[in-house]
């Protein structure tokens, strides 16, 4: 029942889609030597997910603790990702506006990292 409930959320389909997109971007850059433009409508949600994962695939530096910290700073913090709004941490949960701003974008990214670590320890 627990696994069926997880499946019904569609979460793993989203994780798969993010990983597939990042693999495609990394393949264009790493194998074909092509430039890739990744940009979502607001510039910081899906964009940060895909660019971060692509860099992890392409550069072993970003697979180190130091490199991962640099990557988070570079692709998430310095681009203005709205951690507080997206996670809902510290916002007024009674406001509809605050509810509409929530999105598990960073948590999905972290789950992608976890999935990669499980597949490629």
Foldseek 3Di string as FASTA:
>chain_A
DVVVVVVVVCLVVVLVVLLVLLVVQLCCCPVVVDHDDDADPVRQFSSLLNVLSNCVVNDVQCVDPVNVVVSCCVRHVVVPHDVCLQCVPPDDPVDPVSVVSHHCRVVSSVVNVVVVVVVPD
